[in-house]
Amino acid sequence: TASHPAATAAQRAALVQAGATVVDCPGA
């Protein structure tokens, strides 16, 4: 994702709970 971690904290937590690993990789 390129999303800001603080702006998506609840979504990240839900995805981690679902078993995913979220990786920050912002670009242009």
mmCIF file of all heavy atoms, coordinates in Angstrom:
data_MODEL
# 
_entry.id   MODEL 
# 
loop_
_atom_site.group_PDB 
_atom_site.id 
_atom_site.type_symbol 
_atom_site.label_atom_id 
_atom_site.label_alt_id 
_atom_site.label_comp_id 
_atom_site.label_asym_id 
_atom_site.label_entity_id 
_atom_site.label_seq_id 
_atom_site.pdbx_PDB_ins_code 
_atom_site.Cartn_x 
_atom_site.Cartn_y 
_atom_site.Cartn_z 
_atom_site.occupancy 
_atom_site.B_iso_or_equiv 
_atom_site.pdbx_formal_charge 
_atom_site.auth_seq_id 
_atom_site.auth_comp_id 
_atom_site.auth_asym_id 
_atom_site.auth_atom_id 
_atom_site.pdbx_PDB_model_num 
ATOM 1   N N   . THR A 1 1  ? 0.826   -1.196  0.000  1.00 0.00 ? 1  THR A N   1 
ATOM 2   C CA  . THR A 1 1  ? 0.000   0.000   0.000  1.00 0.00 ? 1  THR A CA  1 
ATOM 3   C C   . THR A 1 1  ? 0.865   1.253   0.000  1.00 0.00 ? 1  THR A C   1 
ATOM 4   O O   . THR A 1 1  ? 2.029   1.216   0.389  1.00 0.00 ? 1  THR A O   1 
ATOM 5   C CB  . THR A 1 1  ? -0.958  0.005   1.212  1.00 0.00 ? 1  THR A CB  1 
ATOM 6   O OG1 . THR A 1 1  ? -1.838  1.114   1.097  1.00 0.00 ? 1  THR A OG1 1 
ATOM 7   C CG2 . THR A 1 1  ? -0.197  0.061   2.521  1.00 0.00 ? 1  THR A CG2 1 
ATOM 8   N N   . ALA A 1 2  ? 0.262   2.353   -0.435 1.00 0.00 ? 2  ALA A N   1 
ATOM 9   C CA  . ALA A 1 2  ? 0.904   3.668   -0.369 1.00 0.00 ? 2  ALA A CA  1 
ATOM 10  C C   . ALA A 1 2  ? 0.171   4.554   0.624  1.00 0.00 ? 2  ALA A C   1 
ATOM 11  O O   . ALA A 1 2  ? 0.454   5.737   0.729  1.00 0.00 ? 2  ALA A O   1 
ATOM 12  C CB  . ALA A 1 2  ? 0.928   4.313   -1.753 1.00 0.00 ? 2  ALA A CB  1 
ATOM 13  N N   . SER A 1 3  ? -0.787  3.992   1.337  1.00 0.00 ? 3  SER A N   1 
ATOM 14  C CA  . SER A 1 3  ? -1.592  4.758   2.295  1.00 0.00 ? 3  SER A CA  1 
ATOM 15  C C   . SER A 1 3  ? -0.788  5.102   3.535  1.00 0.00 ? 3  SER A C   1 
ATOM 16  O O   . SER A 1 3  ? 0.069   4.340   3.965  1.00 0.00 ? 3  SER A O   1 
ATOM 17  C CB  . SER A 1 3  ? -2.827  3.968   2.720  1.00 0.00 ? 3  SER A CB  1 
ATOM 18  O OG  . SER A 1 3  ? -3.706  3.852   1.644  1.00 0.00 ? 3  SER A OG  1 
ATOM 19  N N   . HIS A 1 4  ? -1.110  6.226   4.120  1.00 0.00 ? 4  HIS A N   1 
ATOM 20  C CA  . HIS A 1 4  ? -0.435  6.652   5.345  1.00 0.00 ? 4  HIS A CA  1 
ATOM 21  C C   . HIS A 1 4  ? -0.880  5.755   6.495  1.00 0.00 ? 4  HIS A C   1 
ATOM 22  O O   . HIS A 1 4  ? -2.076  5.560   6.708  1.00 0.00 ? 4  HIS A O   1 
ATOM 23  C CB  . HIS A 1 4  ? -0.774  8.123   5.649  1.00 0.00 ? 4  HIS A CB  1 
ATOM 24  C CG  . HIS A 1 4  ? 0.056   8.687   6.729  1.00 0.00 ? 4  HIS A CG  1 
ATOM 25  N ND1 . HIS A 1 4  ? -0.249  8.521   8.061  1.00 0.00 ? 4  HIS A ND1 1 
ATOM 26  C CD2 . HIS A 1 4  ? 1.209   9.398   6.685  1.00 0.00 ? 4  HIS A CD2 1 
ATOM 27  C CE1 . HIS A 1 4  ? 0.672   9.113   8.791  1.00 0.00 ? 4  HIS A CE1 1 
ATOM 28  N NE2 . HIS A 1 4  ? 1.564   9.661   7.979  1.00 0.00 ? 4  HIS A NE2 1 
ATOM 29  N N   . PRO A 1 5  ? 0.080   5.208   7.251  1.00 0.00 ? 5  PRO A N   1 
ATOM 30  C CA  . PRO A 1 5  ? -0.274  4.271   8.329  1.00 0.00 ? 5  PRO A CA  1 
ATOM 31  C C   . PRO A 1 5  ? -1.293  4.805   9.331  1.00 0.00 ? 5  PRO A C   1 
ATOM 32  O O   . PRO A 1 5  ? -2.201  4.084   9.729  1.00 0.00 ? 5  PRO A O   1 
ATOM 33  C CB  . PRO A 1 5  ? 1.066   4.004   9.009  1.00 0.00 ? 5  PRO A CB  1 
ATOM 34  C CG  . PRO A 1 5  ? 2.087   4.281   7.973  1.00 0.00 ? 5  PRO A CG  1 
ATOM 35  C CD  . PRO A 1 5  ? 1.517   5.392   7.123  1.00 0.00 ? 5  PRO A CD  1 
ATOM 36  N N   . ALA A 1 6  ? -1.162  6.059   9.748  1.00 0.00 ? 6  ALA A N   1 
ATOM 37  C CA  . ALA A 1 6  ? -2.080  6.596   10.751 1.00 0.00 ? 6  ALA A CA  1 
ATOM 38  C C   . ALA A 1 6  ? -3.487  6.751   10.201 1.00 0.00 ? 6  ALA A C   1 
ATOM 39  O O   . ALA A 1 6  ? -4.471  6.573   10.933 1.00 0.00 ? 6  ALA A O   1 
ATOM 40  C CB  . ALA A 1 6  ? -1.572  7.951   11.261 1.00 0.00 ? 6  ALA A CB  1 
ATOM 41  N N   . ALA A 1 7  ? -3.611  7.064   8.906  1.00 0.00 ? 7  ALA A N   1 
ATOM 42  C CA  . ALA A 1 7  ? -4.924  7.292   8.302  1.00 0.00 ? 7  ALA A CA  1 
ATOM 43  C C   . ALA A 1 7  ? -5.704  5.998   8.132  1.00 0.00 ? 7  ALA A C   1 
ATOM 44  O O   . ALA A 1 7  ? -6.912  6.019   7.949  1.00 0.00 ? 7  ALA A O   1 
ATOM 45  C CB  . ALA A 1 7  ? -4.766  7.984   6.954  1.00 0.00 ? 7  ALA A CB  1 
ATOM 46  N N   . THR A 1 8  ? -5.020  4.865   8.181  1.00 0.00 ? 8  THR A N   1 
ATOM 47  C CA  . THR A 1 8  ? -5.687  3.591   7.908  1.00 0.00 ? 8  THR A CA  1 
ATOM 48  C C   . THR A 1 8  ? -5.483  2.573   9.028  1.00 0.00 ? 8  THR A C   1 
ATOM 49  O O   . THR A 1 8  ? -5.521  1.387   8.774  1.00 0.00 ? 8  THR A O   1 
ATOM 50  C CB  . THR A 1 8  ? -5.161  3.019   6.579  1.00 0.00 ? 8  THR A CB  1 
ATOM 51  O OG1 . THR A 1 8  ? -3.742  2.892   6.676  1.00 0.00 ? 8  THR A OG1 1 
ATOM 52  C CG2 . THR A 1 8  ? -5.532  3.884   5.402  1.00 0.00 ? 8  THR A CG2 1 
ATOM 53  N N   . ALA A 1 9  ? -5.272  3.049   10.243 1.00 0.00 ? 9  ALA A N   1 
ATOM 54  C CA  . ALA A 1 9  ? -4.955  2.153   11.360 1.00 0.00 ? 9  ALA A CA  1 
ATOM 55  C C   . ALA A 1 9  ? -6.023  1.080   11.568 1.00 0.00 ? 9  ALA A C   1 
ATOM 56  O O   . ALA A 1 9  ? -5.698  -0.099  11.757 1.00 0.00 ? 9  ALA A O   1 
ATOM 57  C CB  . ALA A 1 9  ? -4.751  2.963   12.636 1.00 0.00 ? 9  ALA A CB  1 
ATOM 58  N N   . ALA A 1 10 ? -7.287  1.445   11.532 1.00 0.00 ? 10 ALA A N   1 
ATOM 59  C CA  . ALA A 1 10 ? -8.358  0.467   11.749 1.00 0.00 ? 10 ALA A CA  1 
ATOM 60  C C   . ALA A 1 10 ? -8.399  -0.556  10.615 1.00 0.00 ? 10 ALA A C   1 
ATOM 61  O O   . ALA A 1 10 ? -8.570  -1.760  10.864 1.00 0.00 ? 10 ALA A O   1 
ATOM 62  C CB  . ALA A 1 10 ? -9.705  1.179   11.870 1.00 0.00 ? 10 ALA A CB  1 
ATOM 63  N N   . GLN A 1 11 ? -8.237  -0.095  9.383  1.00 0.00 ? 11 GLN A N   1 
ATOM 64  C CA  . GLN A 1 11 ? -8.230  -1.011  8.236  1.00 0.00 ? 11 GLN A CA  1 
ATOM 65  C C   . GLN A 1 11 ? -7.039  -1.967  8.320  1.00 0.00 ? 11 GLN A C   1 
ATOM 66  O O   . GLN A 1 11 ? -7.179  -3.160  8.078  1.00 0.00 ? 11 GLN A O   1 
ATOM 67  C CB  . GLN A 1 11 ? -8.195  -0.212  6.922  1.00 0.00 ? 11 GLN A CB  1 
ATOM 68  C CG  . GLN A 1 11 ? -8.069  -1.049  5.674  1.00 0.00 ? 11 GLN A CG  1 
ATOM 69  C CD  . GLN A 1 11 ? -9.288  -1.879  5.332  1.00 0.00 ? 11 GLN A CD  1 
ATOM 70  O OE1 . GLN A 1 11 ? -10.239 -2.001  6.112  1.00 0.00 ? 11 GLN A OE1 1 
ATOM 71  N NE2 . GLN A 1 11 ? -9.278  -2.490  4.169  1.00 0.00 ? 11 GLN A NE2 1 
ATOM 72  N N   . ARG A 1 12 ? -5.876  -1.444  8.658  1.00 0.00 ? 12 ARG A N   1 
ATOM 73  C CA  . ARG A 1 12 ? -4.683  -2.289  8.816  1.00 0.00 ? 12 ARG A CA  1 
ATOM 74  C C   . ARG A 1 12 ? -4.915  -3.361  9.877  1.00 0.00 ? 12 ARG A C   1 
ATOM 75  O O   . ARG A 1 12 ? -4.588  -4.525  9.676  1.00 0.00 ? 12 ARG A O   1 
ATOM 76  C CB  . ARG A 1 12 ? -3.477  -1.447  9.224  1.00 0.00 ? 12 ARG A CB  1 
ATOM 77  C CG  . ARG A 1 12 ? -2.903  -0.630  8.127  1.00 0.00 ? 12 ARG A CG  1 
ATOM 78  C CD  . ARG A 1 12 ? -1.862  0.354   8.683  1.00 0.00 ? 12 ARG A CD  1 
ATOM 79  N NE  . ARG A 1 12 ? -1.439  1.244   7.647  1.00 0.00 ? 12 ARG A NE  1 
ATOM 80  C CZ  . ARG A 1 12 ? -0.445  1.004   6.807  1.00 0.00 ? 12 ARG A CZ  1 
ATOM 81  N NH1 . ARG A 1 12 ? 0.246   -0.104  6.929  1.00 0.00 ? 12 ARG A NH1 1 
ATOM 82  N NH2 . ARG A 1 12 ? -0.145  1.860   5.864  1.00 0.00 ? 12 ARG A NH2 1 
ATOM 83  N N   . ALA A 1 13 ? -5.465  -2.955  10.997 1.00 0.00 ? 13 ALA A N   1 
ATOM 84  C CA  . ALA A 1 13 ? -5.721  -3.907  12.081 1.00 0.00 ? 13 ALA A CA  1 
ATOM 85  C C   . ALA A 1 13 ? -6.677  -5.009  11.634 1.00 0.00 ? 13 ALA A C   1 
ATOM 86  O O   . ALA A 1 13 ? -6.462  -6.187  11.946 1.00 0.00 ? 13 ALA A O   1 
ATOM 87  C CB  . ALA A 1 13 ? -6.274  -3.172  13.301 1.00 0.00 ? 13 ALA A CB  1 
ATOM 88  N N   . ALA A 1 14 ? -7.704  -4.644  10.890 1.00 0.00 ? 14 ALA A N   1 
ATOM 89  C CA  . ALA A 1 14 ? -8.662  -5.640  10.398 1.00 0.00 ? 14 ALA A CA  1 
ATOM 90  C C   . ALA A 1 14 ? -8.001  -6.607  9.423  1.00 0.00 ? 14 ALA A C   1 
ATOM 91  O O   . ALA A 1 14 ? -8.276  -7.812  9.445  1.00 0.00 ? 14 ALA A O   1 
ATOM 92  C CB  . ALA A 1 14 ? -9.849  -4.942  9.736  1.00 0.00 ? 14 ALA A CB  1 
ATOM 93  N N   . LEU A 1 15 ? -7.118  -6.101  8.576  1.00 0.00 ? 15 LEU A N   1 
ATOM 94  C CA  . LEU A 1 15 ? -6.435  -6.957  7.606  1.00 0.00 ? 15 LEU A CA  1 
ATOM 95  C C   . LEU A 1 15 ? -5.431  -7.880  8.282  1.00 0.00 ? 15 LEU A C   1 
ATOM 96  O O   . LEU A 1 15 ? -5.312  -9.055  7.916  1.00 0.00 ? 15 LEU A O   1 
ATOM 97  C CB  . LEU A 1 15 ? -5.765  -6.111  6.526  1.00 0.00 ? 15 LEU A CB  1 
ATOM 98  C CG  . LEU A 1 15 ? -6.743  -5.361  5.625  1.00 0.00 ? 15 LEU A CG  1 
ATOM 99  C CD1 . LEU A 1 15 ? -6.017  -4.360  4.741  1.00 0.00 ? 15 LEU A CD1 1 
ATOM 100 C CD2 . LEU A 1 15 ? -7.574  -6.331  4.790  1.00 0.00 ? 15 LEU A CD2 1 
ATOM 101 N N   . VAL A 1 16 ? -4.729  -7.375  9.271  1.00 0.00 ? 16 VAL A N   1 
ATOM 102 C CA  . VAL A 1 16 ? -3.803  -8.211  10.028 1.00 0.00 ? 16 VAL A CA  1 
ATOM 103 C C   . VAL A 1 16 ? -4.585  -9.289  10.771 1.00 0.00 ? 16 VAL A C   1 
ATOM 104 O O   . VAL A 1 16 ? -4.193  -10.458 10.798 1.00 0.00 ? 16 VAL A O   1 
ATOM 105 C CB  . VAL A 1 16 ? -2.954  -7.353  10.991 1.00 0.00 ? 16 VAL A CB  1 
ATOM 106 C CG1 . VAL A 1 16 ? -2.184  -8.223  11.980 1.00 0.00 ? 16 VAL A CG1 1 
ATOM 107 C CG2 . VAL A 1 16 ? -2.000  -6.471  10.196 1.00 0.00 ? 16 VAL A CG2 1 
ATOM 108 N N   . GLN A 1 17 ? -5.735  -8.918  11.337 1.00 0.00 ? 17 GLN A N   1 
ATOM 109 C CA  . GLN A 1 17 ? -6.607  -9.893  12.003 1.00 0.00 ? 17 GLN A CA  1 
ATOM 110 C C   . GLN A 1 17 ? -7.066  -10.971 11.022 1.00 0.00 ? 17 GLN A C   1 
ATOM 111 O O   . GLN A 1 17 ? -7.207  -12.134 11.395 1.00 0.00 ? 17 GLN A O   1 
ATOM 112 C CB  . GLN A 1 17 ? -7.825  -9.179  12.611 1.00 0.00 ? 17 GLN A CB  1 
ATOM 113 C CG  . GLN A 1 17 ? -8.784  -10.079 13.339 1.00 0.00 ? 17 GLN A CG  1 
ATOM 114 C CD  . GLN A 1 17 ? -8.218  -10.651 14.626 1.00 0.00 ? 17 GLN A CD  1 
ATOM 115 O OE1 . GLN A 1 17 ? -7.364  -10.040 15.266 1.00 0.00 ? 17 GLN A OE1 1 
ATOM 116 N NE2 . GLN A 1 17 ? -8.672  -11.820 15.006 1.00 0.00 ? 17 GLN A NE2 1 
ATOM 117 N N   . ALA A 1 18 ? -7.258  -10.589 9.754  1.00 0.00 ? 18 ALA A N   1 
ATOM 118 C CA  . ALA A 1 18 ? -7.680  -11.540 8.718  1.00 0.00 ? 18 ALA A CA  1 
ATOM 119 C C   . ALA A 1 18 ? -6.514  -12.394 8.211  1.00 0.00 ? 18 ALA A C   1 
ATOM 120 O O   . ALA A 1 18 ? -6.715  -13.285 7.394  1.00 0.00 ? 18 ALA A O   1 
ATOM 121 C CB  . ALA A 1 18 ? -8.326  -10.790 7.557  1.00 0.00 ? 18 ALA A CB  1 
ATOM 122 N N   . GLY A 1 19 ? -5.298  -12.103 8.686  1.00 0.00 ? 19 GLY A N   1 
ATOM 123 C CA  . GLY A 1 19 ? -4.153  -12.935 8.330  1.00 0.00 ? 19 GLY A CA  1 
ATOM 124 C C   . GLY A 1 19 ? -3.187  -12.328 7.336  1.00 0.00 ? 19 GLY A C   1 
ATOM 125 O O   . GLY A 1 19 ? -2.216  -12.977 6.948  1.00 0.00 ? 19 GLY A O   1 
ATOM 126 N N   . ALA A 1 20 ? -3.391  -11.102 6.889  1.00 0.00 ? 20 ALA A N   1 
ATOM 127 C CA  . ALA A 1 20 ? -2.528  -10.479 5.893  1.00 0.00 ? 20 ALA A CA  1 
ATOM 128 C C   . ALA A 1 20 ? -1.380  -9.723  6.552  1.00 0.00 ? 20 ALA A C   1 
ATOM 129 O O   . ALA A 1 20 ? -1.453  -9.336  7.710  1.00 0.00 ? 20 ALA A O   1 
ATOM 130 C CB  . ALA A 1 20 ? -3.337  -9.518  5.025  1.00 0.00 ? 20 ALA A CB  1 
ATOM 131 N N   . THR A 1 21 ? -0.347  -9.506  5.774  1.00 0.00 ? 21 THR A N   1 
ATOM 132 C CA  . THR A 1 21 ? 0.749   -8.630  6.154  1.00 0.00 ? 21 THR A CA  1 
ATOM 133 C C   . THR A 1 21 ? 0.656   -7.392  5.279  1.00 0.00 ? 21 THR A C   1 
ATOM 134 O O   . THR A 1 21 ? 0.590   -7.510  4.048  1.00 0.00 ? 21 THR A O   1 
ATOM 135 C CB  . THR A 1 21 ? 2.114   -9.318  5.948  1.00 0.00 ? 21 THR A CB  1 
ATOM 136 O OG1 . THR A 1 21 ? 2.164   -10.495 6.748  1.00 0.00 ? 21 THR A OG1 1 
ATOM 137 C CG2 . THR A 1 21 ? 3.264   -8.392  6.309  1.00 0.00 ? 21 THR A CG2 1 
ATOM 138 N N   . VAL A 1 22 ? 0.612   -6.211  5.882  1.00 0.00 ? 22 VAL A N   1 
ATOM 139 C CA  . VAL A 1 22 ? 0.501   -4.957  5.136  1.00 0.00 ? 22 VAL A CA  1 
ATOM 140 C C   . VAL A 1 22 ? 1.887   -4.322  5.061  1.00 0.00 ? 22 VAL A C   1 
ATOM 141 O O   . VAL A 1 22 ? 2.550   -4.149  6.084  1.00 0.00 ? 22 VAL A O   1 
ATOM 142 C CB  . VAL A 1 22 ? -0.504  -3.989  5.795  1.00 0.00 ? 22 VAL A CB  1 
ATOM 143 C CG1 . VAL A 1 22 ? -0.595  -2.684  5.026  1.00 0.00 ? 22 VAL A CG1 1 
ATOM 144 C CG2 . VAL A 1 22 ? -1.880  -4.654  5.902  1.00 0.00 ? 22 VAL A CG2 1 
ATOM 145 N N   . VAL A 1 23 ? 2.311   -3.986  3.827  1.00 0.00 ? 23 VAL A N   1 
ATOM 146 C CA  . VAL A 1 23 ? 3.638   -3.428  3.592  1.00 0.00 ? 23 VAL A CA  1 
ATOM 147 C C   . VAL A 1 23 ? 3.488   -2.046  2.971  1.00 0.00 ? 23 VAL A C   1 
ATOM 148 O O   . VAL A 1 23 ? 2.835   -1.900  1.938  1.00 0.00 ? 23 VAL A O   1 
ATOM 149 C CB  . VAL A 1 23 ? 4.463   -4.336  2.648  1.00 0.00 ? 23 VAL A CB  1 
ATOM 150 C CG1 . VAL A 1 23 ? 5.859   -3.757  2.435  1.00 0.00 ? 23 VAL A CG1 1 
ATOM 151 C CG2 . VAL A 1 23 ? 4.528   -5.763  3.174  1.00 0.00 ? 23 VAL A CG2 1 
ATOM 152 N N   . ASP A 1 24 ? 4.099   -1.036  3.595  1.00 0.00 ? 24 ASP A N   1 
ATOM 153 C CA  . ASP A 1 24 ? 4.077   0.320   3.052  1.00 0.00 ? 24 ASP A CA  1 
ATOM 154 C C   . ASP A 1 24 ? 5.120   0.436   1.952  1.00 0.00 ? 24 ASP A C   1 
ATOM 155 O O   . ASP A 1 24 ? 6.279   0.076   2.156  1.00 0.00 ? 24 ASP A O   1 
ATOM 156 C CB  . ASP A 1 24 ? 4.368   1.337   4.147  1.00 0.00 ? 24 ASP A CB  1 
ATOM 157 C CG  . ASP A 1 24 ? 3.266   1.367   5.177  1.00 0.00 ? 24 ASP A CG  1 
ATOM 158 O OD1 . ASP A 1 24 ? 2.106   1.540   4.781  1.00 0.00 ? 24 ASP A OD1 1 
ATOM 159 O OD2 . ASP A 1 24 ? 3.569   1.191   6.377  1.00 0.00 ? 24 ASP A OD2 1 
ATOM 160 N N   . CYS A 1 25 ? 4.686   0.945   0.804  1.00 0.00 ? 25 CYS A N   1 
ATOM 161 C CA  . CYS A 1 25 ? 5.573   1.059   -0.345 1.00 0.00 ? 25 CYS A CA  1 
ATOM 162 C C   . CYS A 1 25 ? 5.142   2.245   -1.211 1.00 0.00 ? 25 CYS A C   1 
ATOM 163 O O   . CYS A 1 25 ? 4.797   2.088   -2.380 1.00 0.00 ? 25 CYS A O   1 
ATOM 164 C CB  . CYS A 1 25 ? 5.526   -0.243  -1.138 1.00 0.00 ? 25 CYS A CB  1 
ATOM 165 S SG  . CYS A 1 25 ? 6.931   -0.503  -2.205 1.00 0.00 ? 25 CYS A SG  1 
ATOM 166 N N   . PRO A 1 26 ? 5.135   3.466   -0.645 1.00 0.00 ? 26 PRO A N   1 
ATOM 167 C CA  . PRO A 1 26 ? 4.651   4.616   -1.409 1.00 0.00 ? 26 PRO A CA  1 
ATOM 168 C C   . PRO A 1 26 ? 5.601   5.000   -2.525 1.00 0.00 ? 26 PRO A C   1 
ATOM 169 O O   . PRO A 1 26 ? 6.801   4.798   -2.440 1.00 0.00 ? 26 PRO A O   1 
ATOM 170 C CB  . PRO A 1 26 ? 4.558   5.723   -0.363 1.00 0.00 ? 26 PRO A CB  1 
ATOM 171 C CG  . PRO A 1 26 ? 5.523   5.331   0.693  1.00 0.00 ? 26 PRO A CG  1 
ATOM 172 C CD  . PRO A 1 26 ? 5.563   3.826   0.701  1.00 0.00 ? 26 PRO A CD  1 
ATOM 173 N N   . GLY A 1 27 ? 5.017   5.514   -3.581 1.00 0.00 ? 27 GLY A N   1 
ATOM 174 C CA  . GLY A 1 27 ? 5.787   5.973   -4.722 1.00 0.00 ? 27 GLY A CA  1 
ATOM 175 C C   . GLY A 1 27 ? 5.335   7.340   -5.139 1.00 0.00 ? 27 GLY A C   1 
ATOM 176 O O   . GLY A 1 27 ? 4.870   8.134   -4.322 1.00 0.00 ? 27 GLY A O   1 
ATOM 177 N N   . ALA A 1 28 ? 5.422   7.596   -6.423 1.00 0.00 ? 28 ALA A N   1 
ATOM 178 C CA  . ALA A 1 28 ? 5.043   8.894   -6.980 1.00 0.00 ? 28 ALA A CA  1 
ATOM 179 C C   . ALA A 1 28 ? 3.533   9.069   -6.931 1.00 0.00 ? 28 ALA A C   1 
ATOM 180 O O   . ALA A 1 28 ? 2.781   8.095   -6.905 1.00 0.00 ? 28 ALA A O   1 
ATOM 181 C CB  . ALA A 1 28 ? 5.523   8.984   -8.424 1.00 0.00 ? 28 ALA A CB  1 
# 
